[in-house]
Structures are given as C-alpha cells and as structure tokens.
Amino acid sequence: MYRNTFNFNKYQLPETFNVTLSGVDYEAEVWYNHVNDRLYITLRDENGEDLITSEKLVAGERLFAGVNDENLPREDLVMIDETGKATVVNFANVNRDIWITEDETFTGELDPGNADEGIFNPDGDEANIDFDSDETDDPSDDDDLDELDDLDLIRGEGGGE
C-alpha cells in the first residue's frame, strides 16, 4: 500500500495512538464492539478534548463526513481496501485488508479494470498520461521547417550562392 495508513494493534483494543494531521497532533482511540463485530474511533485534539466520539468505521466512507468542525483535520480519512473486496469493516479484515488511510485517490482509481488499458495512474495526475497522441516525430511533417524549405527553393531558383 503506497498511501499513508494508520495502523493499530487490533488485538489490544481499545488502543490509543497519536497521529499528526494538518500539522496538528491528534489522539485517536479505536475500540471494538464484539456484539456487532464493528470498530469505532474517537478523535481528540492536542489538549485531550473529544472532537469526535464513537464514529463507526465504514468501508469506503470518509470519516467524520457529517461533521463540520474547523478543529478536525483537513485530510480525508477513509477506510480503504485497495483490492476492492471488503464491504464492511470488522475485526477479521481491519489492518489486514482494510486500513484507516489518508485518501489521495483519483476518481476511478479503485474501480475494477482501472489498469485494463495498461495505464495505472496512482497519483491522479492526468496531465502527462495521453499516450495515444496522433502526432509523429517525423521532421518532414514539422511546419516549423517550412521557412528553411522555402530558403532552399529560393537558392535553387536563383542559382545559389
């Protein structure tokens, strides 16, 4: 996985760990509810004050999406499974198949068949990805050389120098 992920020891839940996001130190606590086999996260600011409590970790959804608070990190944190197989977050697959991840994906990156045409674009920069250009490297087709061609014709018609 090439993304920035936040790992925790699921065998020692609840677990508290520090994470720096948007230049701010946060404290995250992940805990497990064995009754419904789901995991939850609480996020605290640098002073230990709760910002988010008991947010359920949901596959493919942005954490804290329903909260508008300037104290929350600017990064999008998402439970991402790069294989695209996980549809839920549970004890069996967390930190094995699916991780809390800074979402830096581009549209369609995780879609099945993303690389079918032989082009995989993990950074989302589409500026230099056009490989199907109709242009050729043949200098005879280059319009910039027309002036030189005209000069040769003038020299040829005028007897040359």
N, C-alpha and C. Protein backbone atom coordinates (compact mmCIF):
# COMPACT_ATOMS: atom_id res chain seq x y z
N MET A 1 0.85 -1.17 0.00
CA MET A 1 0.00 0.00 0.00
C MET A 1 0.89 1.23 0.00
N TYR A 2 0.67 2.15 -0.91
CA TYR A 2 1.52 3.31 -1.03
C TYR A 2 0.95 4.53 -0.32
N ARG A 3 -0.23 4.43 0.25
CA ARG A 3 -0.84 5.54 0.96
C ARG A 3 -0.39 5.59 2.40
N ASN A 4 -0.59 6.75 3.03
CA ASN A 4 -0.31 6.91 4.44
C ASN A 4 -1.43 6.25 5.24
N THR A 5 -1.09 5.21 5.98
CA THR A 5 -2.10 4.48 6.75
C THR A 5 -1.82 4.61 8.24
N PHE A 6 -2.85 4.40 9.02
CA PHE A 6 -2.75 4.48 10.46
C PHE A 6 -3.03 3.09 11.02
N ASN A 7 -1.98 2.44 11.46
CA ASN A 7 -2.10 1.09 11.98
C ASN A 7 -2.24 1.11 13.49
N PHE A 8 -2.95 0.15 13.98
CA PHE A 8 -3.12 -0.05 15.41
C PHE A 8 -3.18 -1.54 15.65
N ASN A 9 -2.93 -1.95 16.86
CA ASN A 9 -2.95 -3.37 17.19
C ASN A 9 -4.35 -3.78 17.56
N LYS A 10 -5.02 -4.46 16.66
CA LYS A 10 -6.41 -4.83 16.90
C LYS A 10 -6.55 -5.86 18.02
N TYR A 11 -5.46 -6.50 18.38
CA TYR A 11 -5.52 -7.49 19.46
C TYR A 11 -5.41 -6.84 20.84
N GLN A 12 -5.18 -5.54 20.86
CA GLN A 12 -5.07 -4.81 22.13
C GLN A 12 -6.09 -3.68 22.21
N LEU A 13 -7.25 -3.88 21.63
CA LEU A 13 -8.28 -2.85 21.64
C LEU A 13 -8.98 -2.80 22.99
N PRO A 14 -9.37 -1.64 23.48
CA PRO A 14 -9.20 -0.35 22.82
C PRO A 14 -7.75 0.09 22.84
N GLU A 15 -7.33 0.74 21.76
CA GLU A 15 -5.96 1.23 21.66
C GLU A 15 -5.98 2.71 21.33
N THR A 16 -5.11 3.44 21.99
CA THR A 16 -4.96 4.87 21.76
C THR A 16 -3.60 5.11 21.12
N PHE A 17 -3.58 5.95 20.08
CA PHE A 17 -2.32 6.28 19.41
C PHE A 17 -2.37 7.73 18.96
N ASN A 18 -1.20 8.32 18.80
CA ASN A 18 -1.08 9.69 18.34
C ASN A 18 -0.88 9.73 16.84
N VAL A 19 -1.46 10.74 16.21
CA VAL A 19 -1.33 10.92 14.77
C VAL A 19 -1.27 12.42 14.49
N THR A 20 -0.38 12.81 13.57
CA THR A 20 -0.27 14.21 13.18
C THR A 20 -0.95 14.38 11.83
N LEU A 21 -1.93 15.25 11.80
CA LEU A 21 -2.67 15.57 10.57
C LEU A 21 -2.82 17.07 10.48
N SER A 22 -2.66 17.61 9.31
CA SER A 22 -2.77 19.05 9.08
C SER A 22 -1.86 19.83 10.01
N GLY A 23 -0.72 19.24 10.39
CA GLY A 23 0.23 19.90 11.27
C GLY A 23 -0.18 19.94 12.74
N VAL A 24 -1.22 19.21 13.08
CA VAL A 24 -1.74 19.19 14.45
C VAL A 24 -1.63 17.77 14.98
N ASP A 25 -1.23 17.65 16.25
CA ASP A 25 -1.17 16.34 16.89
C ASP A 25 -2.55 15.99 17.45
N TYR A 26 -3.06 14.85 17.02
CA TYR A 26 -4.34 14.35 17.50
C TYR A 26 -4.10 13.05 18.25
N GLU A 27 -5.06 12.70 19.06
CA GLU A 27 -5.05 11.40 19.73
C GLU A 27 -6.27 10.63 19.22
N ALA A 28 -6.03 9.45 18.73
CA ALA A 28 -7.11 8.61 18.21
C ALA A 28 -7.23 7.38 19.10
N GLU A 29 -8.46 6.99 19.35
CA GLU A 29 -8.70 5.77 20.12
C GLU A 29 -9.65 4.90 19.30
N VAL A 30 -9.22 3.70 19.02
CA VAL A 30 -10.05 2.73 18.28
C VAL A 30 -10.50 1.67 19.26
N TRP A 31 -11.78 1.36 19.21
CA TRP A 31 -12.30 0.31 20.09
C TRP A 31 -13.23 -0.61 19.30
N TYR A 32 -13.45 -1.77 19.85
CA TYR A 32 -14.18 -2.85 19.17
C TYR A 32 -15.43 -3.22 19.95
N ASN A 33 -16.54 -3.34 19.25
CA ASN A 33 -17.79 -3.81 19.84
C ASN A 33 -17.99 -5.25 19.36
N HIS A 34 -17.77 -6.20 20.25
CA HIS A 34 -17.84 -7.62 19.86
C HIS A 34 -19.27 -8.06 19.59
N VAL A 35 -20.27 -7.34 20.09
CA VAL A 35 -21.67 -7.73 19.86
C VAL A 35 -22.04 -7.58 18.39
N ASN A 36 -21.64 -6.47 17.77
CA ASN A 36 -21.96 -6.28 16.35
C ASN A 36 -20.76 -6.41 15.42
N ASP A 37 -19.59 -6.82 15.97
CA ASP A 37 -18.36 -7.03 15.19
C ASP A 37 -18.00 -5.79 14.37
N ARG A 38 -18.04 -4.63 15.02
CA ARG A 38 -17.68 -3.38 14.35
C ARG A 38 -16.65 -2.62 15.17
N LEU A 39 -15.92 -1.73 14.49
CA LEU A 39 -14.91 -0.91 15.14
C LEU A 39 -15.34 0.55 15.10
N TYR A 40 -14.90 1.30 16.12
CA TYR A 40 -15.28 2.70 16.27
C TYR A 40 -14.03 3.50 16.61
N ILE A 41 -14.07 4.81 16.30
CA ILE A 41 -12.94 5.67 16.58
C ILE A 41 -13.41 6.93 17.31
N THR A 42 -12.59 7.37 18.24
CA THR A 42 -12.77 8.65 18.91
C THR A 42 -11.54 9.48 18.59
N LEU A 43 -11.74 10.75 18.26
CA LEU A 43 -10.64 11.64 17.92
C LEU A 43 -10.62 12.79 18.91
N ARG A 44 -9.44 13.03 19.49
CA ARG A 44 -9.26 14.11 20.46
C ARG A 44 -8.23 15.11 19.92
N ASP A 45 -8.39 16.37 20.31
CA ASP A 45 -7.43 17.39 19.90
C ASP A 45 -6.17 17.31 20.75
N GLU A 46 -5.24 18.23 20.52
CA GLU A 46 -3.95 18.19 21.21
C GLU A 46 -4.07 18.44 22.71
N ASN A 47 -5.23 18.95 23.16
CA ASN A 47 -5.46 19.18 24.59
C ASN A 47 -6.23 18.02 25.23
N GLY A 48 -6.51 16.98 24.47
CA GLY A 48 -7.24 15.83 25.00
C GLY A 48 -8.74 15.98 24.99
N GLU A 49 -9.25 17.04 24.37
CA GLU A 49 -10.70 17.27 24.30
C GLU A 49 -11.29 16.45 23.15
N ASP A 50 -12.39 15.78 23.41
CA ASP A 50 -13.06 14.99 22.38
C ASP A 50 -13.58 15.88 21.25
N LEU A 51 -13.20 15.52 20.02
CA LEU A 51 -13.75 16.19 18.84
C LEU A 51 -14.83 15.33 18.21
N ILE A 52 -14.57 14.04 18.15
CA ILE A 52 -15.50 13.04 17.60
C ILE A 52 -15.48 11.86 18.56
N THR A 53 -16.64 11.35 18.90
CA THR A 53 -16.69 10.17 19.77
C THR A 53 -17.47 9.06 19.08
N SER A 54 -16.90 7.89 19.14
CA SER A 54 -17.56 6.66 18.68
C SER A 54 -18.06 6.71 17.24
N GLU A 55 -17.21 7.18 16.33
CA GLU A 55 -17.54 7.17 14.90
C GLU A 55 -17.30 5.76 14.38
N LYS A 56 -18.32 5.16 13.78
CA LYS A 56 -18.19 3.81 13.24
C LYS A 56 -17.30 3.83 12.00
N LEU A 57 -16.37 2.88 11.92
CA LEU A 57 -15.51 2.75 10.75
C LEU A 57 -16.28 2.01 9.66
N VAL A 58 -16.49 2.68 8.54
CA VAL A 58 -17.30 2.14 7.44
C VAL A 58 -16.44 2.07 6.19
N ALA A 59 -16.45 0.94 5.52
CA ALA A 59 -15.64 0.74 4.32
C ALA A 59 -15.98 1.75 3.23
N GLY A 60 -14.94 2.42 2.73
CA GLY A 60 -15.10 3.33 1.61
C GLY A 60 -15.70 4.69 1.93
N GLU A 61 -16.10 4.94 3.16
CA GLU A 61 -16.69 6.22 3.51
C GLU A 61 -15.72 7.08 4.29
N ARG A 62 -15.78 8.38 4.02
CA ARG A 62 -14.91 9.33 4.69
C ARG A 62 -15.30 9.44 6.16
N LEU A 63 -14.29 9.35 7.03
CA LEU A 63 -14.53 9.52 8.45
C LEU A 63 -14.91 10.97 8.73
N PHE A 64 -15.80 11.17 9.63
CA PHE A 64 -16.24 12.49 10.09
C PHE A 64 -16.90 13.31 8.98
N ALA A 65 -17.44 12.66 7.98
CA ALA A 65 -18.02 13.35 6.83
C ALA A 65 -19.22 14.20 7.23
N GLY A 66 -19.96 13.79 8.22
CA GLY A 66 -21.16 14.53 8.61
C GLY A 66 -20.91 15.62 9.63
N VAL A 67 -19.63 15.91 9.92
CA VAL A 67 -19.30 16.89 10.95
C VAL A 67 -18.56 18.06 10.32
N ASN A 68 -19.04 19.25 10.58
CA ASN A 68 -18.38 20.46 10.08
C ASN A 68 -17.73 21.16 11.27
N ASP A 69 -16.45 20.90 11.48
CA ASP A 69 -15.72 21.45 12.61
C ASP A 69 -14.33 21.83 12.14
N GLU A 70 -13.97 23.09 12.29
CA GLU A 70 -12.66 23.55 11.82
C GLU A 70 -11.51 22.93 12.59
N ASN A 71 -11.78 22.30 13.72
CA ASN A 71 -10.74 21.64 14.51
C ASN A 71 -10.39 20.25 13.99
N LEU A 72 -11.19 19.73 13.09
CA LEU A 72 -10.92 18.42 12.50
C LEU A 72 -9.82 18.54 11.45
N PRO A 73 -9.09 17.46 11.21
CA PRO A 73 -8.04 17.50 10.18
C PRO A 73 -8.63 17.76 8.80
N ARG A 74 -7.84 18.41 7.95
CA ARG A 74 -8.27 18.70 6.57
C ARG A 74 -8.19 17.46 5.69
N GLU A 75 -7.30 16.54 6.02
CA GLU A 75 -7.15 15.32 5.22
C GLU A 75 -8.43 14.49 5.27
N ASP A 76 -8.73 13.84 4.15
CA ASP A 76 -9.83 12.89 4.12
C ASP A 76 -9.31 11.56 4.61
N LEU A 77 -9.89 11.06 5.69
CA LEU A 77 -9.54 9.75 6.21
C LEU A 77 -10.64 8.79 5.81
N VAL A 78 -10.24 7.69 5.17
CA VAL A 78 -11.20 6.73 4.63
C VAL A 78 -10.71 5.33 4.95
N MET A 79 -11.64 4.43 5.20
CA MET A 79 -11.31 3.01 5.34
C MET A 79 -11.19 2.46 3.92
N ILE A 80 -9.96 2.21 3.47
CA ILE A 80 -9.73 1.79 2.09
C ILE A 80 -9.20 0.36 2.03
N ASP A 81 -9.80 -0.40 1.14
CA ASP A 81 -9.32 -1.73 0.78
C ASP A 81 -8.93 -1.65 -0.68
N GLU A 82 -7.65 -1.66 -0.97
CA GLU A 82 -7.18 -1.50 -2.35
C GLU A 82 -7.57 -2.66 -3.25
N THR A 83 -7.93 -3.80 -2.67
CA THR A 83 -8.37 -4.91 -3.51
C THR A 83 -9.82 -4.74 -3.94
N GLY A 84 -10.56 -3.88 -3.23
CA GLY A 84 -11.96 -3.66 -3.57
C GLY A 84 -12.89 -4.75 -3.11
N LYS A 85 -12.42 -5.67 -2.29
CA LYS A 85 -13.24 -6.80 -1.86
C LYS A 85 -14.01 -6.54 -0.56
N ALA A 86 -13.45 -5.76 0.35
CA ALA A 86 -14.08 -5.54 1.65
C ALA A 86 -15.26 -4.59 1.52
N THR A 87 -16.39 -5.00 2.04
CA THR A 87 -17.58 -4.15 2.02
C THR A 87 -17.96 -3.69 3.42
N VAL A 88 -17.36 -4.30 4.43
CA VAL A 88 -17.58 -3.91 5.82
C VAL A 88 -16.22 -3.88 6.52
N VAL A 89 -16.19 -3.17 7.64
CA VAL A 89 -15.00 -3.16 8.48
C VAL A 89 -15.33 -3.99 9.71
N ASN A 90 -14.56 -5.05 9.92
CA ASN A 90 -14.77 -5.89 11.09
C ASN A 90 -13.42 -6.35 11.63
N PHE A 91 -13.47 -7.08 12.71
CA PHE A 91 -12.24 -7.50 13.37
C PHE A 91 -11.36 -8.34 12.45
N ALA A 92 -11.96 -9.20 11.66
CA ALA A 92 -11.20 -10.11 10.80
C ALA A 92 -10.40 -9.37 9.72
N ASN A 93 -10.95 -8.28 9.14
CA ASN A 93 -10.27 -7.67 8.00
C ASN A 93 -9.56 -6.35 8.29
N VAL A 94 -9.80 -5.74 9.45
CA VAL A 94 -9.14 -4.46 9.73
C VAL A 94 -7.64 -4.67 9.90
N ASN A 95 -6.87 -3.79 9.30
CA ASN A 95 -5.40 -3.84 9.29
C ASN A 95 -4.85 -5.13 8.67
N ARG A 96 -5.66 -5.79 7.90
CA ARG A 96 -5.22 -6.91 7.08
C ARG A 96 -5.59 -6.62 5.62
N ASP A 97 -6.87 -6.33 5.40
CA ASP A 97 -7.36 -5.99 4.07
C ASP A 97 -7.74 -4.52 3.95
N ILE A 98 -8.14 -3.92 5.04
CA ILE A 98 -8.68 -2.56 5.02
C ILE A 98 -8.04 -1.75 6.15
N TRP A 99 -7.66 -0.50 5.82
CA TRP A 99 -6.94 0.34 6.77
C TRP A 99 -7.57 1.73 6.84
N ILE A 100 -7.33 2.42 7.97
CA ILE A 100 -7.62 3.85 8.03
C ILE A 100 -6.52 4.51 7.21
N THR A 101 -6.92 5.26 6.20
CA THR A 101 -5.98 5.75 5.21
C THR A 101 -6.27 7.20 4.85
N GLU A 102 -5.21 7.97 4.60
CA GLU A 102 -5.41 9.29 4.01
C GLU A 102 -5.79 9.06 2.56
N ASP A 103 -6.97 9.53 2.19
CA ASP A 103 -7.47 9.29 0.85
C ASP A 103 -6.88 10.28 -0.13
N GLU A 104 -6.00 9.78 -0.97
CA GLU A 104 -5.38 10.59 -2.02
C GLU A 104 -5.67 9.97 -3.38
N THR A 105 -6.77 9.25 -3.46
CA THR A 105 -7.10 8.57 -4.71
C THR A 105 -7.65 9.55 -5.73
N PHE A 106 -7.54 9.19 -6.98
CA PHE A 106 -8.18 9.94 -8.03
C PHE A 106 -9.45 9.20 -8.43
N THR A 107 -10.34 9.87 -9.06
CA THR A 107 -11.62 9.27 -9.43
C THR A 107 -11.39 8.01 -10.26
N GLY A 108 -11.96 6.92 -9.80
CA GLY A 108 -11.87 5.67 -10.53
C GLY A 108 -10.65 4.83 -10.24
N GLU A 109 -9.76 5.28 -9.36
CA GLU A 109 -8.53 4.52 -9.11
C GLU A 109 -8.83 3.13 -8.58
N LEU A 110 -9.81 3.01 -7.70
CA LEU A 110 -10.09 1.72 -7.11
C LEU A 110 -11.14 0.93 -7.88
N ASP A 111 -11.60 1.46 -9.01
CA ASP A 111 -12.59 0.76 -9.81
C ASP A 111 -12.00 -0.50 -10.43
N PRO A 112 -12.80 -1.56 -10.50
CA PRO A 112 -12.30 -2.76 -11.20
C PRO A 112 -11.97 -2.41 -12.65
N GLY A 113 -10.89 -2.94 -13.14
CA GLY A 113 -10.50 -2.69 -14.53
C GLY A 113 -9.76 -1.38 -14.73
N ASN A 114 -9.33 -0.73 -13.66
CA ASN A 114 -8.63 0.55 -13.78
C ASN A 114 -7.43 0.45 -14.71
N ALA A 115 -6.71 -0.66 -14.68
CA ALA A 115 -5.49 -0.78 -15.47
C ALA A 115 -5.69 -1.63 -16.72
N ASP A 116 -6.95 -1.84 -17.16
CA ASP A 116 -7.21 -2.68 -18.33
C ASP A 116 -6.50 -2.20 -19.59
N GLU A 117 -6.35 -0.89 -19.73
CA GLU A 117 -5.71 -0.35 -20.92
C GLU A 117 -4.20 -0.23 -20.75
N GLY A 118 -3.66 -0.80 -19.66
CA GLY A 118 -2.23 -0.76 -19.43
C GLY A 118 -1.76 0.53 -18.79
N ILE A 119 -2.69 1.37 -18.37
CA ILE A 119 -2.33 2.64 -17.75
C ILE A 119 -2.84 2.64 -16.33
N PHE A 120 -1.95 2.67 -15.37
CA PHE A 120 -2.32 2.79 -13.96
C PHE A 120 -1.78 4.12 -13.48
N ASN A 121 -2.63 4.92 -12.92
CA ASN A 121 -2.28 6.28 -12.56
C ASN A 121 -2.50 6.51 -11.08
N PRO A 122 -1.59 6.08 -10.19
CA PRO A 122 -1.84 6.16 -8.76
C PRO A 122 -1.83 7.57 -8.20
N ASP A 123 -1.17 8.52 -8.85
CA ASP A 123 -1.13 9.86 -8.27
C ASP A 123 -2.23 10.77 -8.81
N GLY A 124 -2.98 10.33 -9.78
CA GLY A 124 -4.10 11.11 -10.28
C GLY A 124 -3.72 12.24 -11.22
N ASP A 125 -2.44 12.41 -11.52
CA ASP A 125 -2.00 13.48 -12.41
C ASP A 125 -2.24 13.04 -13.85
N GLU A 126 -3.25 13.60 -14.46
CA GLU A 126 -3.60 13.19 -15.82
C GLU A 126 -2.96 14.09 -16.87
N ALA A 127 -2.14 15.04 -16.46
CA ALA A 127 -1.55 15.99 -17.40
C ALA A 127 -0.65 15.31 -18.43
N ASN A 128 0.09 14.30 -18.02
CA ASN A 128 1.05 13.66 -18.93
C ASN A 128 0.71 12.21 -19.21
N ILE A 129 -0.57 11.87 -19.20
CA ILE A 129 -0.94 10.47 -19.34
C ILE A 129 -1.43 10.13 -20.75
N ASP A 130 -1.51 11.10 -21.67
CA ASP A 130 -2.03 10.86 -23.01
C ASP A 130 -0.98 10.16 -23.87
N PHE A 131 -1.12 8.84 -23.98
CA PHE A 131 -0.17 8.07 -24.77
C PHE A 131 -0.67 7.83 -26.19
N ASP A 132 -1.89 8.22 -26.50
CA ASP A 132 -2.48 7.95 -27.80
C ASP A 132 -2.43 9.19 -28.69
N SER A 133 -1.35 9.88 -28.69
CA SER A 133 -1.21 11.10 -29.47
C SER A 133 -1.14 10.77 -30.95
N ASP A 134 -1.75 11.62 -31.77
CA ASP A 134 -1.71 11.42 -33.22
C ASP A 134 -0.47 12.05 -33.84
N GLU A 135 0.29 12.78 -33.04
CA GLU A 135 1.47 13.45 -33.57
C GLU A 135 2.56 12.43 -33.85
N THR A 136 3.39 12.75 -34.85
CA THR A 136 4.53 11.89 -35.16
C THR A 136 5.81 12.66 -34.89
N ASP A 137 6.89 11.96 -34.81
CA ASP A 137 8.19 12.58 -34.61
C ASP A 137 8.92 12.80 -35.92
N ASP A 138 8.24 12.63 -37.04
CA ASP A 138 8.85 12.78 -38.36
C ASP A 138 9.07 14.26 -38.67
N PRO A 139 10.33 14.70 -38.82
CA PRO A 139 10.59 16.13 -39.05
C PRO A 139 10.02 16.64 -40.36
N SER A 140 9.75 15.77 -41.34
CA SER A 140 9.21 16.24 -42.61
C SER A 140 7.80 16.78 -42.45
N ASP A 141 7.12 16.37 -41.38
CA ASP A 141 5.77 16.87 -41.14
C ASP A 141 5.76 18.11 -40.27
N ASP A 142 6.92 18.62 -39.89
CA ASP A 142 7.00 19.74 -38.95
C ASP A 142 6.85 21.04 -39.72
N ASP A 143 5.80 21.80 -39.42
CA ASP A 143 5.54 23.06 -40.11
C ASP A 143 6.59 24.12 -39.80
N ASP A 144 7.31 23.98 -38.68
CA ASP A 144 8.32 24.97 -38.32
C ASP A 144 9.48 24.98 -39.31
N LEU A 145 9.65 23.93 -40.08
CA LEU A 145 10.77 23.86 -41.03
C LEU A 145 10.40 24.41 -42.40
N ASP A 146 9.18 24.89 -42.57
CA ASP A 146 8.76 25.42 -43.87
C ASP A 146 9.63 26.57 -44.33
N GLU A 147 10.05 27.43 -43.41
CA GLU A 147 10.87 28.57 -43.81
C GLU A 147 12.21 28.11 -44.37
N LEU A 148 12.79 27.07 -43.80
CA LEU A 148 14.06 26.55 -44.32
C LEU A 148 13.86 25.93 -45.69
N ASP A 149 12.72 25.23 -45.88
CA ASP A 149 12.42 24.65 -47.18
C ASP A 149 12.29 25.76 -48.23
N ASP A 150 11.62 26.85 -47.85
CA ASP A 150 11.45 27.97 -48.78
C ASP A 150 12.80 28.59 -49.14
N LEU A 151 13.71 28.68 -48.16
CA LEU A 151 15.02 29.24 -48.41
C LEU A 151 15.78 28.39 -49.43
N ASP A 152 15.66 27.05 -49.30
CA ASP A 152 16.33 26.17 -50.26
C ASP A 152 15.76 26.37 -51.66
N LEU A 153 14.45 26.56 -51.75
CA LEU A 153 13.83 26.77 -53.06
C LEU A 153 14.32 28.07 -53.68
N ILE A 154 14.43 29.10 -52.87
CA ILE A 154 14.88 30.42 -53.37
C ILE A 154 16.31 30.31 -53.86
N ARG A 155 17.15 29.64 -53.10
CA ARG A 155 18.54 29.46 -53.50
C ARG A 155 18.65 28.66 -54.78
N GLY A 156 17.80 27.63 -54.89
CA GLY A 156 17.82 26.76 -56.07
C GLY A 156 17.35 27.50 -57.31
N GLU A 157 16.34 28.34 -57.17
CA GLU A 157 15.80 29.06 -58.30
C GLU A 157 16.70 30.22 -58.69
N GLY A 158 17.36 30.79 -57.73
CA GLY A 158 18.18 31.96 -58.03
C GLY A 158 19.61 31.60 -58.40
N GLY A 159 19.93 30.33 -58.55
CA GLY A 159 21.26 29.91 -58.95
C GLY A 159 22.15 29.57 -57.78
N GLY A 160 21.73 29.88 -56.54
CA GLY A 160 22.50 29.51 -55.35
C GLY A 160 23.68 30.42 -55.13
N GLU A 161 24.32 30.27 -54.00
CA GLU A 161 25.45 31.11 -53.67
C GLU A 161 26.68 30.31 -53.42
